Amino acid sequence: MLYAIVGKQSRNELKDEIARTKDKKWYRRLKIIDLSSQGHTVPELSIMFDLSSHTIRMYIKRYNEGDLAVLKPRYGQGRLLLLDWTKNQWLDLMHQPPKDHSKLNSGAMNWTQELLQQYFVHYHELTVSQSTISKAIKRAGVRWRRAKLTVQSPDPLYVVKRQRVEQLKQKALKGTLSSQDAEHPPPESEKKQACFAYFDSTDLHWCPDIGTVYTVEGQQIKVRSPGYQNPWYALFGSLVYPSGEGVYTIHTNKRHQEVETHLQLLIDLDPNAFWFVVLDNASAHTTKKLEPFAQQNQNRLELVFLPTYSPHLNLIEILWRFMRGQVTRNHFFESLAAEAETVVNWLNKLPFSRFCSLMGLDEFQLQFV
């Protein structure tokens, strides 16, 4: 009978290779040698691995004659690729609209596989199928994806405002933010430790938000709705950075009066601190009717306005998006009040680690909080 002969040192090498490999063919050959060395016969291994006895014997003989190096499968290189462009080559071409290539005689702004096929014929004298082009693009790591609309902020002070928010944010993270960082700081003798918060509001509609959800294949989840009735509440929130603490209030309107009420609750969290509050340019935030409140509290509060059309700079927007995915999406509440109560309970139970994640922080960074 023919068996694999595996020495003590070779046994360890064999086990290491079995544990390390991800190649199915190579793993099968290794197991054949391993089991053969343990006394399994050629007919048994043939049945076990669904291979002919001749193939099993060939593997064992190869191993006995030359160890693992001889046993390892040798894969061919395959047929040469007609298109072996790199990712950068593809992207460079796709950033040039077809209309710029005169030989294509096309006014198109976007590429199609048909136009790419014509391009290779006219400019590279290469005839390839659309299937070959598709595979080559995919192999290079370029994907067909839906574009996304963006709005560039028209704010002429975009860079200045963004840098100021970032500077205040970094000082808050280090625990060095104080009232002296205000645009109009109080006297040095009245210097205070400062807090930094992101403020915004979002609407809670009775009609549920609709989105993706796990469901049985071939079936679509149907979510109840209130019909033509769609009352709403305004959820005001202030997220303190980097502690993750917050103030959240529910209102029936989004006027300057509600903004004042919310900000008063916020600065009363720590009456001895100076507060920097980052907010967007909504009409209720920029109205002149809010100026008396700001003047009255100028020794305790500074409103730091974001550049226009820059919601991505307000971290509390991430919290709102996460809240909708966790609470209001695809769920119909019996009443708007029940929805508001559920949202508030969710905010109260959200762990500190999650707030850190939403703010892009590692909680171990916050030793001083």
Protein backbone atom coordinates (compact mmCIF):
# COMPACT_ATOMS: atom_id res chain seq x y z
CA MET A 1 0.00 0.00 0.00
CA LEU A 2 1.14 3.56 -0.74
CA TYR A 3 1.21 6.11 2.09
CA ALA A 4 2.65 9.62 2.46
CA ILE A 5 5.80 9.68 4.55
CA VAL A 6 5.82 12.76 6.78
CA GLY A 7 8.68 13.39 9.22
CA LYS A 8 8.34 15.31 12.49
CA GLN A 9 9.61 18.60 11.07
CA SER A 10 7.64 18.13 7.87
CA ARG A 11 4.53 17.45 9.98
CA ASN A 12 4.76 20.93 11.53
CA GLU A 13 5.30 22.53 8.13
CA LEU A 14 2.29 20.64 6.77
CA LYS A 15 0.03 21.79 9.62
CA ASP A 16 1.17 25.41 9.27
CA GLU A 17 0.49 25.37 5.53
CA ILE A 18 -2.97 23.83 6.05
CA ALA A 19 -3.87 26.58 8.55
CA ARG A 20 -2.48 29.36 6.36
CA THR A 21 -3.67 28.58 2.84
CA LYS A 22 -6.83 29.97 1.27
CA ASP A 23 -6.38 28.10 -2.03
CA LYS A 24 -8.96 25.29 -2.24
CA LYS A 25 -6.90 23.05 -4.56
CA TRP A 26 -3.80 23.43 -2.45
CA TYR A 27 -5.75 22.77 0.76
CA ARG A 28 -7.20 19.56 -0.74
CA ARG A 29 -3.74 18.25 -1.68
CA LEU A 30 -2.39 19.06 1.76
CA LYS A 31 -5.25 17.21 3.48
CA ILE A 32 -4.71 14.18 1.25
CA ILE A 33 -1.08 14.03 2.36
CA ASP A 34 -2.03 14.61 6.00
CA LEU A 35 -4.67 11.87 6.05
CA SER A 36 -2.53 9.45 4.06
CA SER A 37 0.27 9.85 6.61
CA GLN A 38 -2.23 8.94 9.32
CA GLY A 39 -3.02 5.60 7.67
CA HIS A 40 -5.91 6.31 5.30
CA THR A 41 -5.67 4.17 2.16
CA VAL A 42 -5.74 5.37 -1.44
CA PRO A 43 -9.27 3.93 -2.07
CA GLU A 44 -10.57 5.68 1.08
CA LEU A 45 -9.06 9.01 0.04
CA SER A 46 -10.41 8.57 -3.48
CA ILE A 47 -13.96 8.29 -2.13
CA MET A 48 -13.45 11.01 0.45
CA PHE A 49 -12.24 13.65 -2.04
CA ASP A 50 -14.09 12.37 -5.13
CA LEU A 51 -10.85 11.94 -7.06
CA SER A 52 -9.52 8.98 -9.02
CA SER A 53 -7.10 6.57 -7.34
CA HIS A 54 -4.53 7.51 -9.98
CA THR A 55 -4.68 11.20 -8.93
CA ILE A 56 -4.36 10.32 -5.23
CA ARG A 57 -1.32 8.12 -5.92
CA MET A 58 0.25 10.86 -8.05
CA TYR A 59 -0.07 13.39 -5.20
CA ILE A 60 1.43 11.01 -2.65
CA LYS A 61 4.32 10.03 -4.97
CA ARG A 62 5.10 13.68 -5.70
CA TYR A 63 5.18 14.49 -2.02
CA ASN A 64 7.35 11.50 -1.12
CA GLU A 65 9.80 12.41 -3.88
CA GLY A 66 10.07 16.15 -3.36
CA ASP A 67 8.12 17.41 -0.33
CA LEU A 68 5.62 20.33 -0.44
CA ALA A 69 7.43 22.31 -3.15
CA VAL A 70 6.79 19.61 -5.75
CA LEU A 71 3.19 19.00 -4.64
CA LYS A 72 2.06 22.64 -4.97
CA PRO A 73 -0.27 23.30 -7.95
CA ARG A 74 1.13 25.39 -10.77
CA TYR A 75 -1.39 27.70 -12.35
CA GLY A 76 -1.01 28.92 -15.89
CA GLN A 77 -0.98 32.61 -16.72
CA GLY A 78 -4.03 32.29 -18.95
CA ARG A 79 -4.68 34.15 -22.15
CA LEU A 80 -3.17 37.62 -22.44
CA LEU A 81 -5.66 40.40 -21.74
CA LEU A 82 -6.75 42.51 -24.69
CA LEU A 83 -7.34 45.44 -22.35
CA ASP A 84 -5.01 45.78 -19.39
CA TRP A 85 -5.51 49.47 -18.64
CA THR A 86 -4.93 50.71 -15.10
CA LYS A 87 -7.52 52.53 -13.03
CA ASN A 88 -5.80 55.87 -13.65
CA GLN A 89 -5.86 55.32 -17.43
CA TRP A 90 -9.60 54.63 -17.38
CA LEU A 91 -10.34 57.63 -15.15
CA ASP A 92 -8.18 59.90 -17.30
CA LEU A 93 -10.20 58.90 -20.38
CA MET A 94 -13.57 59.18 -18.67
CA HIS A 95 -12.81 62.71 -17.47
CA GLN A 96 -12.60 63.70 -21.15
CA PRO A 97 -16.08 63.89 -22.75
CA PRO A 98 -16.55 61.91 -25.99
CA LYS A 99 -17.29 65.15 -27.88
CA ASP A 100 -13.63 66.16 -27.41
CA HIS A 101 -12.51 63.18 -29.54
CA SER A 102 -13.07 64.29 -33.14
CA LYS A 103 -12.83 60.81 -34.67
CA LEU A 104 -15.89 59.70 -32.72
CA ASN A 105 -18.02 62.38 -34.39
CA SER A 106 -20.23 62.56 -31.31
CA GLY A 107 -21.66 65.40 -29.26
CA ALA A 108 -22.07 63.19 -26.16
CA MET A 109 -20.83 64.37 -22.78
CA ASN A 110 -20.89 60.94 -21.11
CA TRP A 111 -19.27 57.66 -22.09
CA THR A 112 -21.17 54.50 -23.00
CA GLN A 113 -19.72 51.08 -23.78
CA GLU A 114 -20.61 51.63 -27.44
CA LEU A 115 -18.63 54.89 -27.55
CA LEU A 116 -15.71 53.24 -25.73
CA GLN A 117 -15.78 50.47 -28.33
CA GLN A 118 -15.55 53.06 -31.13
CA TYR A 119 -12.78 54.90 -29.26
CA PHE A 120 -10.54 51.83 -29.17
CA VAL A 121 -11.12 51.18 -32.87
CA HIS A 122 -10.33 54.76 -33.96
CA TYR A 123 -7.54 55.66 -31.54
CA HIS A 124 -5.89 52.32 -30.69
CA GLU A 125 -6.77 50.17 -33.73
CA LEU A 126 -8.16 47.62 -31.29
CA THR A 127 -11.41 45.77 -31.87
CA VAL A 128 -12.97 44.60 -28.61
CA SER A 129 -16.48 43.62 -27.55
CA GLN A 130 -18.54 45.61 -25.10
CA SER A 131 -18.33 42.65 -22.73
CA THR A 132 -14.52 42.86 -22.81
CA ILE A 133 -14.69 46.59 -22.05
CA SER A 134 -17.09 46.01 -19.16
CA LYS A 135 -14.84 43.33 -17.62
CA ALA A 136 -11.70 45.46 -18.07
CA ILE A 137 -13.31 48.46 -16.36
CA LYS A 138 -14.51 46.32 -13.47
CA ARG A 139 -11.12 44.63 -13.13
CA ALA A 140 -9.46 48.06 -12.86
CA GLY A 141 -11.75 49.02 -9.94
CA VAL A 142 -13.94 51.52 -11.81
CA ARG A 143 -17.69 51.22 -11.14
CA TRP A 144 -20.91 52.51 -12.71
CA ARG A 145 -22.47 54.66 -9.98
CA ARG A 146 -25.20 57.26 -9.70
CA ALA A 147 -23.91 60.83 -9.38
CA LYS A 148 -24.83 63.10 -6.48
CA LEU A 149 -25.84 66.74 -6.67
CA THR A 150 -23.89 69.17 -4.52
CA VAL A 151 -24.33 72.87 -3.86
CA GLN A 152 -21.24 75.00 -3.53
CA SER A 153 -21.60 77.59 -0.82
CA PRO A 154 -21.88 81.08 -2.32
CA ASP A 155 -20.74 82.55 1.00
CA PRO A 156 -17.71 84.79 0.27
CA LEU A 157 -16.49 84.18 3.84
CA TYR A 158 -16.80 80.39 3.56
CA VAL A 159 -13.14 79.67 4.33
CA VAL A 160 -12.96 82.18 7.19
CA LYS A 161 -16.12 80.88 8.88
CA ARG A 162 -15.12 77.24 8.44
CA GLN A 163 -11.67 77.86 9.89
CA ARG A 164 -13.14 79.66 12.89
CA VAL A 165 -15.51 76.79 13.68
CA GLU A 166 -12.64 74.31 13.34
CA GLN A 167 -10.36 76.36 15.63
CA LEU A 168 -13.01 76.59 18.34
CA LYS A 169 -13.76 72.88 17.93
CA GLN A 170 -10.09 71.90 18.40
CA LYS A 171 -9.76 74.08 21.50
CA ALA A 172 -12.92 72.51 22.94
CA LEU A 173 -11.45 69.05 22.30
CA LYS A 174 -8.23 70.00 24.13
CA GLY A 175 -10.16 71.64 26.99
CA THR A 176 -8.53 75.05 26.43
CA LEU A 177 -11.55 76.95 25.08
CA SER A 178 -12.37 80.10 27.04
CA SER A 179 -14.34 83.34 26.78
CA GLN A 180 -11.15 85.02 25.51
CA ASP A 181 -11.65 83.17 22.22
CA ALA A 182 -14.82 85.19 21.54
CA GLU A 183 -14.82 87.80 18.79
CA HIS A 184 -15.55 90.43 21.45
CA PRO A 185 -13.98 88.91 24.58
CA PRO A 186 -14.79 90.24 28.04
CA PRO A 187 -11.99 91.74 30.19
CA GLU A 188 -9.23 89.29 31.18
CA SER A 189 -10.40 89.54 34.78
CA GLU A 190 -13.77 88.07 33.72
CA LYS A 191 -12.26 85.15 31.79
CA LYS A 192 -14.42 82.00 31.88
CA GLN A 193 -14.06 78.42 30.81
CA ALA A 194 -16.12 77.95 27.65
CA CYS A 195 -18.43 75.27 26.24
CA PHE A 196 -18.93 74.50 22.55
CA ALA A 197 -22.24 73.26 21.12
CA TYR A 198 -23.84 72.54 17.75
CA PHE A 199 -27.44 73.75 17.46
CA ASP A 200 -30.08 72.85 14.89
CA SER A 201 -33.71 71.81 14.52
CA THR A 202 -35.42 69.04 12.57
CA ASP A 203 -39.06 68.28 11.81
CA LEU A 204 -40.88 65.28 13.27
CA HIS A 205 -43.73 64.51 10.86
CA TRP A 206 -46.50 62.08 11.72
CA CYS A 207 -46.12 60.57 8.25
CA PRO A 208 -43.22 58.08 8.54
CA ASP A 209 -39.92 58.41 6.73
CA ILE A 210 -39.63 55.63 4.13
CA GLY A 211 -36.39 53.76 3.55
CA THR A 212 -34.72 50.38 3.13
CA VAL A 213 -35.41 47.60 5.63
CA TYR A 214 -34.89 43.84 5.92
CA THR A 215 -37.81 41.91 4.47
CA VAL A 216 -38.65 38.58 2.86
CA GLU A 217 -37.43 38.33 -0.72
CA GLY A 218 -40.14 39.26 -3.19
CA GLN A 219 -42.22 41.14 -0.61
CA GLN A 220 -42.41 44.86 0.12
CA ILE A 221 -43.05 46.26 3.57
CA LYS A 222 -46.18 48.42 3.69
CA VAL A 223 -46.14 51.21 6.25
CA ARG A 224 -49.29 52.94 7.49
CA SER A 225 -49.64 56.69 6.99
CA PRO A 226 -51.99 59.38 8.34
CA GLY A 227 -53.29 60.15 4.86
CA TYR A 228 -53.76 63.81 4.10
CA GLN A 229 -53.12 64.72 7.72
CA ASN A 230 -49.44 65.28 8.38
CA PRO A 231 -48.96 67.43 11.50
CA TRP A 232 -45.45 68.01 12.74
CA TYR A 233 -43.38 69.05 15.73
CA ALA A 234 -40.05 70.86 15.68
CA LEU A 235 -37.28 69.05 17.54
CA PHE A 236 -34.63 71.53 18.70
CA GLY A 237 -31.28 70.12 19.74
CA SER A 238 -27.93 71.34 21.04
CA LEU A 239 -25.09 68.82 21.04
CA VAL A 240 -22.24 69.77 23.37
CA TYR A 241 -18.84 68.95 21.90
CA PRO A 242 -16.97 66.85 22.88
CA SER A 243 -18.85 65.66 25.98
CA GLY A 244 -21.87 64.40 24.00
CA GLU A 245 -24.29 66.05 26.44
CA GLY A 246 -27.27 67.75 24.93
CA VAL A 247 -30.45 69.75 25.34
CA TYR A 248 -33.46 68.67 23.28
CA THR A 249 -36.82 70.43 23.23
CA ILE A 250 -40.07 69.90 21.34
CA HIS A 251 -41.97 72.87 19.88
CA THR A 252 -44.96 73.48 17.65
CA ASN A 253 -43.24 76.36 15.81
CA LYS A 254 -39.75 77.28 14.62
CA ARG A 255 -39.68 80.99 15.40
CA HIS A 256 -37.11 83.15 17.16
CA GLN A 257 -39.13 82.78 20.40
CA GLU A 258 -38.54 79.01 20.40
CA VAL A 259 -34.86 79.55 19.57
CA GLU A 260 -34.51 81.90 22.55
CA THR A 261 -36.24 79.44 24.88
CA HIS A 262 -33.97 76.61 23.81
CA LEU A 263 -30.74 78.63 23.99
CA GLN A 264 -31.67 79.87 27.46
CA LEU A 265 -32.02 76.27 28.64
CA LEU A 266 -28.67 75.47 27.06
CA ILE A 267 -26.62 78.23 28.67
CA ASP A 268 -28.32 77.54 32.00
CA LEU A 269 -26.74 74.06 31.95
CA ASP A 270 -23.60 75.78 33.21
CA PRO A 271 -24.33 79.39 34.25
CA ASN A 272 -20.64 79.99 35.05
CA ALA A 273 -19.42 79.06 31.57
CA PHE A 274 -19.20 81.01 28.32
CA TRP A 275 -21.04 79.31 25.45
CA PHE A 276 -20.09 79.15 21.78
CA VAL A 277 -23.10 77.90 19.79
CA VAL A 278 -22.63 76.89 16.16
CA LEU A 279 -25.78 77.24 14.03
CA ASP A 280 -26.88 77.64 10.43
CA ASN A 281 -28.43 80.62 8.67
CA ALA A 282 -32.12 79.74 9.03
CA SER A 283 -34.37 82.80 9.19
CA ALA A 284 -35.26 82.15 12.85
CA HIS A 285 -31.51 82.24 13.68
CA THR A 286 -30.56 85.37 11.73
CA THR A 287 -33.63 87.55 12.36
CA LYS A 288 -33.03 90.89 14.05
CA LYS A 289 -35.65 89.89 16.62
CA LEU A 290 -33.04 87.55 18.14
CA GLU A 291 -30.49 90.34 18.59
CA PRO A 292 -31.85 91.62 21.96
CA PHE A 293 -31.44 88.12 23.43
CA ALA A 294 -27.89 87.87 22.07
CA GLN A 295 -27.03 91.35 23.42
CA GLN A 296 -28.51 90.55 26.82
CA ASN A 297 -26.34 87.42 27.08
CA GLN A 298 -23.19 88.66 25.32
CA ASN A 299 -21.09 87.93 28.41
CA ARG A 300 -22.28 84.31 28.35
CA LEU A 301 -23.01 83.50 24.71
CA GLU A 302 -21.65 83.90 21.19
CA LEU A 303 -23.53 82.67 18.13
CA VAL A 304 -21.09 81.25 15.57
CA PHE A 305 -22.77 81.14 12.17
CA LEU A 306 -21.81 78.49 9.62
CA PRO A 307 -21.24 79.36 5.96
CA THR A 308 -24.43 79.16 3.90
CA TYR A 309 -25.33 75.77 2.40
CA SER A 310 -22.93 73.92 4.69
CA PRO A 311 -24.98 71.42 6.74
CA HIS A 312 -22.04 69.00 6.64
CA LEU A 313 -20.19 71.29 9.07
CA ASN A 314 -22.92 70.92 11.73
CA LEU A 315 -22.30 67.68 13.63
CA ILE A 316 -25.84 67.51 15.00
CA GLU A 317 -27.06 66.86 11.43
CA ILE A 318 -25.39 63.43 11.71
CA LEU A 319 -27.37 62.77 14.89
CA TRP A 320 -30.66 63.67 13.15
CA ARG A 321 -29.87 61.32 10.25
CA PHE A 322 -28.98 58.50 12.65
CA MET A 323 -32.18 59.14 14.65
CA ARG A 324 -34.36 58.82 11.56
CA GLY A 325 -32.74 55.53 10.61
CA GLN A 326 -33.17 54.14 14.13
CA VAL A 327 -36.57 55.52 15.16
CA THR A 328 -38.85 57.13 12.60
CA ARG A 329 -38.02 55.28 9.37
CA ASN A 330 -40.74 52.84 8.25
CA HIS A 331 -42.64 53.14 11.55
CA PHE A 332 -46.09 54.64 12.02
CA PHE A 333 -46.85 55.95 15.50
CA GLU A 334 -50.37 56.10 16.88
CA SER A 335 -49.96 59.82 17.45
CA LEU A 336 -47.44 62.58 16.89
CA ALA A 337 -47.02 62.87 20.65
CA ALA A 338 -46.08 59.17 20.84
CA GLU A 339 -43.48 59.71 18.13
CA ALA A 340 -41.97 62.69 19.96
CA GLU A 341 -41.88 60.73 23.24
CA THR A 342 -40.13 57.79 21.54
CA VAL A 343 -37.51 60.09 19.99
CA VAL A 344 -36.77 61.75 23.35
CA ASN A 345 -36.45 58.35 25.07
CA TRP A 346 -34.09 57.20 22.32
CA LEU A 347 -31.91 60.28 22.78
CA ASN A 348 -31.79 59.72 26.55
CA LYS A 349 -30.67 56.11 26.10
CA LEU A 350 -28.11 56.70 23.36
CA PRO A 351 -24.74 55.57 24.79
CA PHE A 352 -21.83 57.96 25.16
CA SER A 353 -19.73 55.78 22.85
CA ARG A 354 -22.29 56.32 20.08
CA PHE A 355 -22.15 60.09 20.53
CA CYS A 356 -18.37 59.86 20.24
CA SER A 357 -18.69 57.83 17.06
CA LEU A 358 -21.13 60.35 15.55
CA MET A 359 -18.74 63.18 16.39
CA GLY A 360 -15.76 61.30 14.93
CA LEU A 361 -14.05 60.86 18.31
CA ASP A 362 -12.43 58.06 20.28
CA GLU A 363 -13.89 58.18 23.79
CA PHE A 364 -10.43 57.45 25.22
CA GLN A 365 -9.29 60.85 23.87
CA LEU A 366 -11.62 62.61 26.27
CA GLN A 367 -9.71 62.27 29.52
CA PHE A 368 -10.71 65.75 30.75
CA VAL A 369 -14.46 65.38 30.06
